[in-house]
C-alpha atoms as a PDB file:
ATOM      1  CA  MET A   1     224.910 207.279  28.904  1.00  0.00           C
ATOM      2  CA  LYS A   2     227.631 207.593  31.667  1.00  0.00           C
ATOM      3  CA  PHE A   3     227.984 206.963  35.303  1.00  0.00           C
ATOM      4  CA  ILE A   4     229.592 210.093  37.367  1.00  0.00           C
ATOM      5  CA  CYS A   5     230.653 210.466  40.872  1.00  0.00           C
ATOM      6  CA  PHE A   6     227.887 211.894  43.132  1.00  0.00           C
ATOM      7  CA  LYS A   7     230.600 213.847  44.879  1.00  0.00           C
ATOM      8  CA  CYS A   8     233.192 215.074  42.464  1.00  0.00           C
ATOM      9  CA  GLN A   9     231.415 214.563  39.264  1.00  0.00           C
ATOM     10  CA  LYS A  10     234.267 212.351  37.743  1.00  0.00           C
ATOM     11  CA  GLU A  11     233.112 209.996  35.247  1.00  0.00           C
ATOM     12  CA  ARG A  12     233.517 206.277  35.793  1.00  0.00           C
ATOM     13  CA  ASN A  13     235.639 204.464  33.240  1.00  0.00           C
ATOM     14  CA  ASN A  14     235.485 200.884  34.591  1.00  0.00           C
ATOM     15  CA  SER A  15     233.400 198.853  36.809  1.00  0.00           C
ATOM     16  CA  ASN A  16     234.772 200.367  40.088  1.00  0.00           C
ATOM     17  CA  LEU A  17     232.598 200.571  42.950  1.00  0.00           C
ATOM     18  CA  TYR A  18     233.921 203.938  44.285  1.00  0.00           C
ATOM     19  CA  CYS A  19     235.405 206.784  42.745  1.00  0.00           C
ATOM     20  CA  SER A  20     238.799 207.820  43.556  1.00  0.00           C
ATOM     21  CA  CYS A  21     237.529 210.363  45.904  1.00  0.00           C
ATOM     22  CA  GLY A  22     235.247 207.849  47.610  1.00  0.00           C
ATOM     23  CA  GLY A  23     231.953 208.839  46.283  1.00  0.00           C
ATOM     24  CA  LEU A  24     229.515 206.619  44.628  1.00  0.00           C
ATOM     25  CA  PHE A  25     228.571 206.550  41.001  1.00  0.00           C
ATOM     26  CA  ARG A  26     225.094 207.714  39.750  1.00  0.00           C
ATOM     27  CA  PRO A  27     223.792 207.389  36.270  1.00  0.00           C
ATOM     28  CA  VAL A  28     223.517 210.499  33.823  1.00  0.00           C
ATOM     29  CA  HIS A  29     220.882 209.734  30.907  1.00  0.00           C
ATOM     30  CA  ASP A  30     222.225 211.844  28.132  1.00  0.00           C
ATOM     31  CA  PHE A  31     220.034 210.414  25.428  1.00  0.00           C
ATOM     32  CA  ARG A  32     216.299 210.554  24.495  1.00  0.00           C
ATOM     33  CA  PHE A  33     213.878 208.243  25.784  1.00  0.00           C
ATOM     34  CA  SER A  34     212.922 205.312  23.347  1.00  0.00           C
ATOM     35  CA  SER A  35     209.577 203.426  23.534  1.00  0.00           C
ATOM     36  CA  ASP A  36     211.784 200.262  22.872  1.00  0.00           C
ATOM     37  CA  LEU A  37     212.129 200.232  26.684  1.00  0.00           C
ATOM     38  CA  LYS A  38     215.167 198.074  26.926  1.00  0.00           C
ATOM     39  CA  SER A  39     216.996 200.137  24.468  1.00  0.00           C
ATOM     40  CA  ASN A  40     217.233 202.729  27.253  1.00  0.00           C
ATOM     41  CA  PHE A  41     219.839 200.752  28.908  1.00  0.00           C
ATOM     42  CA  PRO A  42     222.755 200.911  26.491  1.00  0.00           C
ATOM     43  CA  TYR A  43     225.229 199.447  28.739  1.00  0.00           C
ATOM     44  CA  VAL A  44     223.419 195.849  28.508  1.00  0.00           C
ATOM     45  CA  SER A  45     224.080 194.118  25.255  1.00  0.00           C
ATOM     46  CA  LYS A  46     222.348 190.851  26.212  1.00  0.00           C
ATOM     47  CA  TRP A  47     219.732 190.278  28.789  1.00  0.00           C
ATOM     48  CA  VAL A  48     218.983 187.143  31.067  1.00  0.00           C
ATOM     49  CA  SER A  49     215.389 186.719  31.653  1.00  0.00           C
ATOM     50  CA  LEU A  50     213.208 184.811  33.841  1.00  0.00           C
ATOM     51  CA  GLY A  51     209.932 185.917  32.114  1.00  0.00           C
ATOM     52  CA  GLU A  52     209.394 189.145  33.383  1.00  0.00           C
ATOM     53  CA  THR A  53     206.255 191.063  32.157  1.00  0.00           C
ATOM     54  CA  VAL A  54     204.777 194.537  32.849  1.00  0.00           C
ATOM     55  CA  THR A  55     203.317 194.297  36.264  1.00  0.00           C
ATOM     56  CA  PRO A  56     199.498 195.278  36.816  1.00  0.00           C
ATOM     57  CA  LEU A  57     198.282 198.685  37.691  1.00  0.00           C
ATOM     58  CA  ILE A  58     194.940 198.770  39.268  1.00  0.00           C
ATOM     59  CA  GLU A  59     192.518 201.272  40.879  1.00  0.00           C
ATOM     60  CA  ARG A  60     191.068 201.132  44.399  1.00  0.00           C
ATOM     61  CA  GLN A  61     189.166 203.948  46.247  1.00  0.00           C
ATOM     62  CA  GLY A  62     191.003 206.631  44.267  1.00  0.00           C
ATOM     63  CA  LEU A  63     194.521 205.248  44.528  1.00  0.00           C
ATOM     64  CA  PHE A  64     196.347 203.561  41.728  1.00  0.00           C
ATOM     65  CA  LEU A  65     198.108 200.543  42.968  1.00  0.00           C
ATOM     66  CA  LYS A  66     201.196 199.441  41.147  1.00  0.00           C
ATOM     67  CA  LEU A  67     201.537 195.647  42.062  1.00  0.00           C
ATOM     68  CA  ASP A  68     205.252 195.452  41.476  1.00  0.00           C
ATOM     69  CA  TYR A  69     205.364 192.047  43.159  1.00  0.00           C
ATOM     70  CA  PHE A  70     204.122 190.453  40.075  1.00  0.00           C
ATOM     71  CA  SER A  71     207.772 189.637  39.157  1.00  0.00           C
ATOM     72  CA  PRO A  72     209.798 186.280  39.022  1.00  0.00           C
ATOM     73  CA  THR A  73     210.968 186.348  42.585  1.00  0.00           C
ATOM     74  CA  TYR A  74     207.996 188.549  43.659  1.00  0.00           C
ATOM     75  CA  SER A  75     209.410 191.460  44.711  1.00  0.00           C
ATOM     76  CA  TYR A  76     210.326 194.858  42.748  1.00  0.00           C
ATOM     77  CA  LYS A  77     214.123 194.191  43.195  1.00  0.00           C
ATOM     78  CA  ASP A  78     213.947 191.934  39.989  1.00  0.00           C
ATOM     79  CA  ARG A  79     214.150 195.262  37.984  1.00  0.00           C
ATOM     80  CA  GLY A  80     217.386 196.085  39.419  1.00  0.00           C
ATOM     81  CA  SER A  81     218.715 192.415  39.368  1.00  0.00           C
ATOM     82  CA  ILE A  82     217.975 191.779  35.876  1.00  0.00           C
ATOM     83  CA  THR A  83     219.836 194.931  34.825  1.00  0.00           C
ATOM     84  CA  LEU A  84     222.956 194.396  37.157  1.00  0.00           C
ATOM     85  CA  ILE A  85     223.365 190.824  36.373  1.00  0.00           C
ATOM     86  CA  SER A  86     222.870 191.388  32.465  1.00  0.00           C
ATOM     87  CA  SER A  87     225.366 193.973  32.690  1.00  0.00           C
ATOM     88  CA  LEU A  88     228.015 191.583  33.676  1.00  0.00           C
ATOM     89  CA  LEU A  89     227.440 188.938  30.930  1.00  0.00           C
ATOM     90  CA  GLY A  90     230.612 188.917  28.753  1.00  0.00           C
ATOM     91  CA  LYS A  91     232.553 190.819  31.440  1.00  0.00           C
ATOM     92  CA  LEU A  92     232.645 187.895  34.182  1.00  0.00           C
ATOM     93  CA  PRO A  93     233.446 184.415  33.147  1.00  0.00           C
ATOM     94  CA  GLU A  94     230.779 181.809  33.698  1.00  0.00           C
ATOM     95  CA  GLY A  95     230.894 180.139  37.096  1.00  0.00           C
ATOM     96  CA  SER A  96     231.980 183.456  38.694  1.00  0.00           C
ATOM     97  CA  VAL A  97     231.223 183.808  42.356  1.00  0.00           C
ATOM     98  CA  ILE A  98     228.553 186.796  42.752  1.00  0.00           C
ATOM     99  CA  ASN A  99     228.298 188.249  46.378  1.00  0.00           C
ATOM    100  CA  GLU A 100     225.413 190.385  47.756  1.00  0.00           C
ATOM    101  CA  ASP A 101     224.422 191.359  51.192  1.00  0.00           C
ATOM    102  CA  SER A 102     220.555 191.444  51.846  1.00  0.00           C
ATOM    103  CA  SER A 103     217.938 191.123  54.443  1.00  0.00           C
ATOM    104  CA  GLY A 104     215.922 189.225  52.048  1.00  0.00           C
ATOM    105  CA  ASN A 105     214.235 190.415  48.887  1.00  0.00           C
ATOM    106  CA  ALA A 106     217.252 191.687  47.187  1.00  0.00           C
ATOM    107  CA  GLY A 107     219.198 188.511  47.976  1.00  0.00           C
ATOM    108  CA  ALA A 108     216.614 186.305  46.693  1.00  0.00           C
ATOM    109  CA  SER A 109     216.470 188.167  43.425  1.00  0.00           C
ATOM    110  CA  ILE A 110     220.066 188.535  42.801  1.00  0.00           C
ATOM    111  CA  ALA A 111     220.583 184.802  43.737  1.00  0.00           C
ATOM    112  CA  ALA A 112     217.839 183.915  41.121  1.00  0.00           C
ATOM    113  CA  TYR A 113     219.366 185.919  38.277  1.00  0.00           C
ATOM    114  CA  ALA A 114     222.836 185.124  39.057  1.00  0.00           C
ATOM    115  CA  SER A 115     222.129 181.560  38.865  1.00  0.00           C
ATOM    116  CA  ALA A 116     220.250 181.810  35.607  1.00  0.00           C
ATOM    117  CA  ALA A 117     223.214 183.602  34.216  1.00  0.00           C
ATOM    118  CA  GLY A 118     225.645 180.980  35.264  1.00  0.00           C
ATOM    119  CA  PHE A 119     227.174 182.514  38.258  1.00  0.00           C
ATOM    120  CA  LYS A 120     227.607 181.005  41.696  1.00  0.00           C
ATOM    121  CA  PRO A 121     225.605 183.469  44.362  1.00  0.00           C
ATOM    122  CA  ASN A 122     226.653 183.943  47.545  1.00  0.00           C
ATOM    123  CA  ILE A 123     224.378 186.062  49.792  1.00  0.00           C
ATOM    124  CA  TYR A 124     225.160 187.339  53.016  1.00  0.00           C
ATOM    125  CA  VAL A 125     222.277 188.128  55.665  1.00  0.00           C
ATOM    126  CA  PRO A 126     221.883 189.454  59.136  1.00  0.00           C
ATOM    127  CA  GLN A 127     221.062 187.082  61.834  1.00  0.00           C
ATOM    128  CA  ASN A 128     217.637 188.188  62.041  1.00  0.00           C
ATOM    129  CA  ALA A 129     216.516 187.812  58.578  1.00  0.00           C
ATOM    130  CA  SER A 130     213.214 186.281  57.771  1.00  0.00           C
ATOM    131  CA  GLU A 131     213.197 182.458  57.427  1.00  0.00           C
ATOM    132  CA  PHE A 132     210.907 182.596  54.538  1.00  0.00           C
ATOM    133  CA  LYS A 133     213.206 184.870  52.516  1.00  0.00           C
ATOM    134  CA  ILE A 134     216.258 182.434  53.636  1.00  0.00           C
ATOM    135  CA  ARG A 135     214.278 179.411  52.277  1.00  0.00           C
ATOM    136  CA  GLN A 136     213.598 181.379  48.885  1.00  0.00           C
ATOM    137  CA  ILE A 137     217.358 182.274  48.517  1.00  0.00           C
ATOM    138  CA  ILE A 138     218.480 178.893  49.254  1.00  0.00           C
ATOM    139  CA  SER A 139     216.130 177.445  46.844  1.00  0.00           C
ATOM    140  CA  TYR A 140     217.710 179.339  43.970  1.00  0.00           C
ATOM    141  CA  GLY A 141     221.201 177.495  44.685  1.00  0.00           C
ATOM    142  CA  ALA A 142     222.858 180.265  46.665  1.00  0.00           C
ATOM    143  CA  LYS A 143     224.981 179.802  49.610  1.00  0.00           C
ATOM    144  CA  ILE A 144     224.004 181.628  52.677  1.00  0.00           C
ATOM    145  CA  HIS A 145     226.246 183.453  55.003  1.00  0.00           C
ATOM    146  CA  THR A 146     224.815 184.697  58.252  1.00  0.00           C
ATOM    147  CA  VAL A 147     226.710 187.751  59.792  1.00  0.00           C
ATOM    148  CA  GLN A 148     226.292 188.939  63.434  1.00  0.00           C
ATOM    149  CA  GLY A 149     225.775 192.609  64.181  1.00  0.00           C
ATOM    150  CA  SER A 150     224.356 195.301  62.186  1.00  0.00           C
ATOM    151  CA  ARG A 151     223.262 195.768  58.593  1.00  0.00           C
ATOM    152  CA  GLU A 152     226.329 197.486  58.140  1.00  0.00           C
ATOM    153  CA  ASN A 153     228.534 194.646  59.395  1.00  0.00           C
ATOM    154  CA  VAL A 154     226.710 192.338  56.861  1.00  0.00           C
ATOM    155  CA  MET A 155     227.829 194.756  54.079  1.00  0.00           C
ATOM    156  CA  GLU A 156     231.488 195.053  55.241  1.00  0.00           C
ATOM    157  CA  SER A 157     231.506 191.000  55.466  1.00  0.00           C
ATOM    158  CA  CYS A 158     230.119 190.604  51.916  1.00  0.00           C
ATOM    159  CA  LYS A 159     232.254 193.407  50.304  1.00  0.00           C
ATOM    160  CA  ASN A 160     235.618 191.869  51.726  1.00  0.00           C
ATOM    161  CA  ALA A 161     234.742 188.148  50.590  1.00  0.00           C
ATOM    162  CA  PRO A 162     236.499 186.526  47.793  1.00  0.00           C
ATOM    163  CA  GLY A 163     234.349 186.993  44.374  1.00  0.00           C
ATOM    164  CA  PHE A 164     232.566 189.855  42.702  1.00  0.00           C
ATOM    165  CA  TYR A 165     230.568 192.255  44.989  1.00  0.00           C
ATOM    166  CA  ALA A 166     227.190 192.785  43.217  1.00  0.00           C
ATOM    167  CA  SER A 167     225.913 195.163  45.801  1.00  0.00           C
ATOM    168  CA  HIS A 168     222.317 196.151  45.002  1.00  0.00           C
ATOM    169  CA  VAL A 169     222.789 199.265  46.893  1.00  0.00           C
ATOM    170  CA  LEU A 170     226.247 200.412  45.736  1.00  0.00           C
ATOM    171  CA  ARG A 171     226.270 199.243  42.262  1.00  0.00           C
ATOM    172  CA  PRO A 172     224.564 202.083  40.190  1.00  0.00           C
ATOM    173  CA  GLU A 173     223.288 199.533  37.412  1.00  0.00           C
ATOM    174  CA  PHE A 174     220.909 198.056  39.920  1.00  0.00           C
ATOM    175  CA  ARG A 175     219.052 201.141  40.993  1.00  0.00           C
ATOM    176  CA  ASP A 176     219.299 202.545  37.219  1.00  0.00           C
ATOM    177  CA  GLY A 177     217.328 199.213  36.394  1.00  0.00           C
ATOM    178  CA  ILE A 178     214.368 200.343  38.490  1.00  0.00           C
ATOM    179  CA  ARG A 179     213.547 203.428  36.180  1.00  0.00           C
ATOM    180  CA  MET A 180     211.949 200.972  33.883  1.00  0.00           C
ATOM    181  CA  LEU A 181     209.033 201.093  36.712  1.00  0.00           C
ATOM    182  CA  SER A 182     208.522 204.878  35.902  1.00  0.00           C
ATOM    183  CA  TYR A 183     208.330 204.201  32.111  1.00  0.00           C
ATOM    184  CA  GLU A 184     205.579 201.341  32.710  1.00  0.00           C
ATOM    185  CA  ILE A 185     203.560 203.707  35.153  1.00  0.00           C
ATOM    186  CA  MET A 186     203.385 206.371  32.024  1.00  0.00           C
ATOM    187  CA  GLU A 187     202.509 203.900  29.621  1.00  0.00           C
ATOM    188  CA  GLN A 188     199.726 202.374  32.074  1.00  0.00           C
ATOM    189  CA  LEU A 189     198.392 205.998  32.467  1.00  0.00           C
ATOM    190  CA  ASN A 190     198.298 206.678  28.897  1.00  0.00           C
ATOM    191  CA  TRP A 191     200.991 209.347  29.599  1.00  0.00           C
ATOM    192  CA  HIS A 192     199.157 211.285  32.148  1.00  0.00           C
ATOM    193  CA  VAL A 193     201.421 212.231  34.721  1.00  0.00           C
ATOM    194  CA  PRO A 194     200.099 211.122  38.190  1.00  0.00           C
ATOM    195  CA  ASP A 195     199.586 213.536  41.150  1.00  0.00           C
ATOM    196  CA  ALA A 196     202.228 211.645  43.219  1.00  0.00           C
ATOM    197  CA  VAL A 197     204.064 208.382  43.318  1.00  0.00           C
ATOM    198  CA  VAL A 198     204.282 206.845  46.767  1.00  0.00           C
ATOM    199  CA  MET A 199     206.864 204.189  47.945  1.00  0.00           C
ATOM    200  CA  PRO A 200     208.381 202.729  50.919  1.00  0.00           C
ATOM    201  CA  VAL A 201     211.985 203.829  51.520  1.00  0.00           C
ATOM    202  CA  SER A 202     214.961 202.147  53.211  1.00  0.00           C
ATOM    203  CA  ALA A 203     218.471 201.835  51.303  1.00  0.00           C
ATOM    204  CA  GLY A 204     217.105 204.170  48.512  1.00  0.00           C
ATOM    205  CA  THR A 205     217.335 201.994  45.451  1.00  0.00           C
ATOM    206  CA  LEU A 206     213.574 202.131  44.577  1.00  0.00           C
ATOM    207  CA  LEU A 207     213.364 205.973  45.394  1.00  0.00           C
ATOM    208  CA  LEU A 208     216.321 206.945  43.100  1.00  0.00           C
ATOM    209  CA  GLY A 209     215.204 204.550  40.301  1.00  0.00           C
ATOM    210  CA  VAL A 210     211.932 206.082  40.173  1.00  0.00           C
ATOM    211  CA  ILE A 211     213.239 209.485  40.002  1.00  0.00           C
ATOM    212  CA  TYR A 212     215.818 208.461  37.360  1.00  0.00           C
ATOM    213  CA  GLY A 213     213.023 207.219  35.510  1.00  0.00           C
ATOM    214  CA  PHE A 214     210.712 210.208  35.347  1.00  0.00           C
ATOM    215  CA  ARG A 215     213.827 212.663  35.189  1.00  0.00           C
ATOM    216  CA  HIS A 216     214.689 210.898  31.966  1.00  0.00           C
ATOM    217  CA  LEU A 217     211.226 211.261  30.776  1.00  0.00           C
ATOM    218  CA  LEU A 218     210.901 214.918  31.711  1.00  0.00           C
ATOM    219  CA  ASN A 219     214.280 215.757  30.024  1.00  0.00           C
ATOM    220  CA  SER A 220     213.155 213.902  27.025  1.00  0.00           C
ATOM    221  CA  GLY A 221     210.251 216.156  26.500  1.00  0.00           C
ATOM    222  CA  GLU A 222     207.918 212.967  27.161  1.00  0.00           C
ATOM    223  CA  ILE A 223     206.225 214.724  30.022  1.00  0.00           C
ATOM    224  CA  SER A 224     205.799 218.208  31.065  1.00  0.00           C
ATOM    225  CA  ARG A 225     206.323 217.856  34.991  1.00  0.00           C
ATOM    226  CA  MET A 226     207.421 215.497  37.587  1.00  0.00           C
ATOM    227  CA  PRO A 227     204.989 213.826  39.738  1.00  0.00           C
ATOM    228  CA  GLN A 228     205.403 214.623  43.598  1.00  0.00           C
ATOM    229  CA  ILE A 229     207.579 211.829  44.901  1.00  0.00           C
ATOM    230  CA  ILE A 230     206.498 210.828  48.426  1.00  0.00           C
ATOM    231  CA  ALA A 231     208.757 208.510  50.199  1.00  0.00           C
ATOM    232  CA  VAL A 232     207.437 206.668  53.473  1.00  0.00           C
ATOM    233  CA  GLN A 233     209.729 205.354  56.398  1.00  0.00           C
ATOM    234  CA  THR A 234     208.715 203.544  59.553  1.00  0.00           C
ATOM    235  CA  GLU A 235     208.757 205.224  62.926  1.00  0.00           C
ATOM    236  CA  PHE A 236     211.922 202.948  63.989  1.00  0.00           C
ATOM    237  CA  VAL A 237     214.043 203.409  60.736  1.00  0.00           C
ATOM    238  CA  SER A 238     213.645 207.100  59.394  1.00  0.00           C
ATOM    239  CA  PRO A 239     217.043 208.691  58.432  1.00  0.00           C
ATOM    240  CA  LEU A 240     215.753 210.356  55.440  1.00  0.00           C
ATOM    241  CA  TYR A 241     212.762 211.642  57.254  1.00  0.00           C
ATOM    242  CA  HIS A 242     214.966 213.120  59.778  1.00  0.00           C
ATOM    243  CA  ARG A 243     217.309 214.844  57.112  1.00  0.00           C
ATOM    244  CA  MET A 244     214.425 216.158  55.266  1.00  0.00           C
ATOM    245  CA  GLU A 245     213.031 217.743  58.253  1.00  0.00           C
ATOM    246  CA  GLY A 246     216.517 219.228  59.449  1.00  0.00           C
ATOM    247  CA  LEU A 247     216.436 216.900  62.671  1.00  0.00           C
ATOM    248  CA  GLN A 248     219.169 214.785  64.313  1.00  0.00           C
ATOM    249  CA  TYR A 249     218.636 210.999  63.701  1.00  0.00           C
ATOM    250  CA  THR A 250     219.597 208.641  66.309  1.00  0.00           C
ATOM    251  CA  PRO A 251     218.904 204.935  65.634  1.00  0.00           C
ATOM    252  CA  PRO A 252     217.413 202.740  68.364  1.00  0.00           C
ATOM    253  CA  ASP A 253     219.641 200.432  70.084  1.00  0.00           C
ATOM    254  CA  SER A 254     216.967 197.785  69.360  1.00  0.00           C
ATOM    255  CA  TYR A 255     213.511 197.449  67.715  1.00  0.00           C
ATOM    256  CA  VAL A 256     211.140 195.013  66.409  1.00  0.00           C
ATOM    257  CA  SER A 257     209.095 195.902  63.345  1.00  0.00           C
ATOM    258  CA  VAL A 258     206.703 194.150  61.276  1.00  0.00           C
ATOM    259  CA  ALA A 259     208.494 196.002  58.334  1.00  0.00           C
ATOM    260  CA  ASP A 260     211.582 193.673  58.243  1.00  0.00           C
ATOM    261  CA  ALA A 261     212.802 194.721  54.703  1.00  0.00           C
ATOM    262  CA  LEU A 262     213.208 198.433  55.804  1.00  0.00           C
ATOM    263  CA  VAL A 263     216.297 198.179  58.112  1.00  0.00           C
ATOM    264  CA  SER A 264     218.872 200.773  56.582  1.00  0.00           C
ATOM    265  CA  GLN A 265     219.641 202.867  59.662  1.00  0.00           C
ATOM    266  CA  SER A 266     222.792 204.625  57.880  1.00  0.00           C
ATOM    267  CA  PRO A 267     222.032 204.352  54.193  1.00  0.00           C
ATOM    268  CA  PRO A 268     225.252 205.026  51.869  1.00  0.00           C
ATOM    269  CA  LEU A 269     222.924 206.707  49.234  1.00  0.00           C
ATOM    270  CA  LEU A 270     221.326 209.130  52.084  1.00  0.00           C
ATOM    271  CA  ASP A 271     222.824 212.169  50.474  1.00  0.00           C
ATOM    272  CA  GLU A 272     221.894 211.391  46.786  1.00  0.00           C
ATOM    273  CA  MET A 273     218.262 210.632  48.136  1.00  0.00           C
ATOM    274  CA  TYR A 274     218.074 213.917  50.006  1.00  0.00           C
ATOM    275  CA  GLN A 275     219.251 215.999  47.270  1.00  0.00           C
ATOM    276  CA  SER A 276     217.043 214.201  44.787  1.00  0.00           C
ATOM    277  CA  LEU A 277     214.017 214.131  46.608  1.00  0.00           C
ATOM    278  CA  LYS A 278     214.460 217.766  47.943  1.00  0.00           C
ATOM    279  CA  GLY A 279     213.201 219.159  44.667  1.00  0.00           C
ATOM    280  CA  TYR A 280     210.431 216.702  43.905  1.00  0.00           C
ATOM    281  CA  GLY A 281     208.727 215.592  47.212  1.00  0.00           C
ATOM    282  CA  LYS A 282     208.632 214.757  50.981  1.00  0.00           C
ATOM    283  CA  VAL A 283     209.090 212.149  53.277  1.00  0.00           C
ATOM    284  CA  LEU A 284     206.059 210.526  55.682  1.00  0.00           C
ATOM    285  CA  ARG A 285     206.663 208.317  58.790  1.00  0.00           C
ATOM    286  CA  VAL A 286     204.017 205.711  59.535  1.00  0.00           C
ATOM    287  CA  SER A 287     203.610 203.634  63.045  1.00  0.00           C
ATOM    288  CA  GLU A 288     203.420 200.008  63.602  1.00  0.00           C
ATOM    289  CA  ASN A 289     199.624 199.954  63.937  1.00  0.00           C
ATOM    290  CA  GLU A 290     199.362 201.893  60.636  1.00  0.00           C
ATOM    291  CA  ILE A 291     201.341 199.352  58.778  1.00  0.00           C
ATOM    292  CA  ILE A 292     199.548 196.377  60.074  1.00  0.00           C
ATOM    293  CA  ASN A 293     196.117 198.127  59.648  1.00  0.00           C
ATOM    294  CA  SER A 294     197.204 198.980  56.255  1.00  0.00           C
ATOM    295  CA  ARG A 295     198.288 195.432  55.147  1.00  0.00           C
ATOM    296  CA  ASN A 296     195.081 194.023  56.758  1.00  0.00           C
ATOM    297  CA  LYS A 297     193.025 196.508  54.720  1.00  0.00           C
ATOM    298  CA  LEU A 298     194.669 195.589  51.450  1.00  0.00           C
ATOM    299  CA  ALA A 299     194.444 191.689  52.326  1.00  0.00           C
ATOM    300  CA  ARG A 300     190.655 192.213  52.905  1.00  0.00           C
ATOM    301  CA  SER A 301     190.334 193.654  49.294  1.00  0.00           C
ATOM    302  CA  GLY A 302     192.168 190.742  47.929  1.00  0.00           C
ATOM    303  CA  ILE A 303     195.715 192.260  47.813  1.00  0.00           C
ATOM    304  CA  LEU A 304     198.245 190.388  49.866  1.00  0.00           C
ATOM    305  CA  VAL A 305     201.568 192.357  50.393  1.00  0.00           C
ATOM    306  CA  GLU A 306     204.327 192.116  52.653  1.00  0.00           C
ATOM    307  CA  TYR A 307     204.376 194.508  55.699  1.00  0.00           C
ATOM    308  CA  SER A 308     207.210 196.656  54.275  1.00  0.00           C
ATOM    309  CA  SER A 309     204.959 197.106  51.269  1.00  0.00           C
ATOM    310  CA  ALA A 310     202.016 198.158  53.279  1.00  0.00           C
ATOM    311  CA  VAL A 311     204.364 201.061  54.572  1.00  0.00           C
ATOM    312  CA  ALA A 312     203.527 202.699  51.164  1.00  0.00           C
ATOM    313  CA  TYR A 313     199.815 202.144  51.563  1.00  0.00           C
ATOM    314  CA  ALA A 314     199.870 203.572  54.967  1.00  0.00           C
ATOM    315  CA  GLY A 315     201.668 206.739  53.713  1.00  0.00           C
ATOM    316  CA  ALA A 316     199.159 207.015  50.767  1.00  0.00           C
ATOM    317  CA  LEU A 317     196.270 207.094  53.312  1.00  0.00           C
ATOM    318  CA  LYS A 318     197.754 210.211  54.941  1.00  0.00           C
ATOM    319  CA  LEU A 319     197.454 212.229  51.615  1.00  0.00           C
ATOM    320  CA  ASN A 320     194.198 214.452  51.094  1.00  0.00           C
ATOM    321  CA  GLY A 321     193.131 215.459  47.578  1.00  0.00           C
ATOM    322  CA  LEU A 322     195.734 213.566  45.558  1.00  0.00           C
ATOM    323  CA  ARG A 323     195.373 210.516  43.387  1.00  0.00           C
ATOM    324  CA  PRO A 324     198.818 208.888  43.941  1.00  0.00           C
ATOM    325  CA  VAL A 325     200.361 205.862  42.473  1.00  0.00           C
ATOM    326  CA  VAL A 326     201.244 203.475  45.152  1.00  0.00           C
ATOM    327  CA  ILE A 327     204.004 201.039  44.408  1.00  0.00           C
ATOM    328  CA  LEU A 328     203.468 197.846  46.139  1.00  0.00           C
ATOM    329  CA  THR A 329     206.935 196.059  46.314  1.00  0.00           C
ATOM    330  CA  GLY A 330     206.681 192.588  47.769  1.00  0.00           C
ATOM    331  CA  ASN A 331     204.366 189.563  47.677  1.00  0.00           C
ATOM    332  CA  GLY A 332     202.610 188.980  51.015  1.00  0.00           C
ATOM    333  CA  LEU A 333     203.669 185.271  51.238  1.00  0.00           C
ATOM    334  CA  LYS A 334     207.036 186.494  51.958  1.00  0.00           C
ATOM    335  CA  SER A 335     206.020 187.717  55.415  1.00  0.00           C
ATOM    336  CA  PRO A 336     202.997 185.577  56.755  1.00  0.00           C
ATOM    337  CA  SER A 337     200.960 187.571  59.373  1.00  0.00           C
ATOM    338  CA  PRO A 338     201.594 186.471  62.984  1.00  0.00           C
ATOM    339  CA  LYS A 339     198.884 183.963  64.249  1.00  0.00           C
ATOM    340  CA  SER A 340     197.840 186.819  66.801  1.00  0.00           C
ATOM    341  CA  LEU A 341     196.847 189.232  64.033  1.00  0.00           C
END
């Protein structure tokens, strides 16, 4: 296995964040899939663990729901964090400072796994980050740094801080770890390829990780076709939707959305998302009312997710004639309902 630059195809030969041409690295899986799932990550020699398990896959009214918030920090981000942080064991000395920028879930996840591995996490967050997620991050012993300005301002502050920049967006090990999700889905469906896989998309780590996983299975001969990959974005934050539709995207000057985890207006992985998704699927957009109604509908059936997860369910409800797998990414206790709802 190797990591190559998405722009110039040059192979990464160290842990650099960027290629010499300025491009980001992506994984290339030049080996056959193994049923010993962790062996599919050959760059990890020792795993730090918080008791991860296979997350449930249940069926509701013709939809398969992958409850991926059944994880140690209650979001799918743990799949990326365990892989990225485990890859650093033996490379960074114990007690090293680990920096991450995140609006919430990734920050909590990196903080938990970094602390468990003996590192010192520093999490950089925007000024409007959820207080519930901030409390969770602090509980893991992380130091919080609040940054004024855009999400991109937060990233720059974190990138330039002293310590190791463990970016969940830019480090390819993080999004590569998410391909474990695709392996689990196939095992749970007894190796019947679903019609589609639906997920919320912001920075792109979930989307790309899922595509990596299914593409690895396809290239290994484990499956005969790719499922349709359906990304769902909000009406306020939809750069991938606009790129796929060939439209100019102008981010709004300001907005308030219940989907507070989906905030990447200028995602660094947009080009890779576009090229990867172009051959396998499409992007849908959903409104605030659709998100709220979907969250409430799930809750009334006993499934409590955060609003950013309900984005995927709202998108799935727009599909006709398909039985998709819908990835529900975050526990609803991370974003309690407003009293007015």
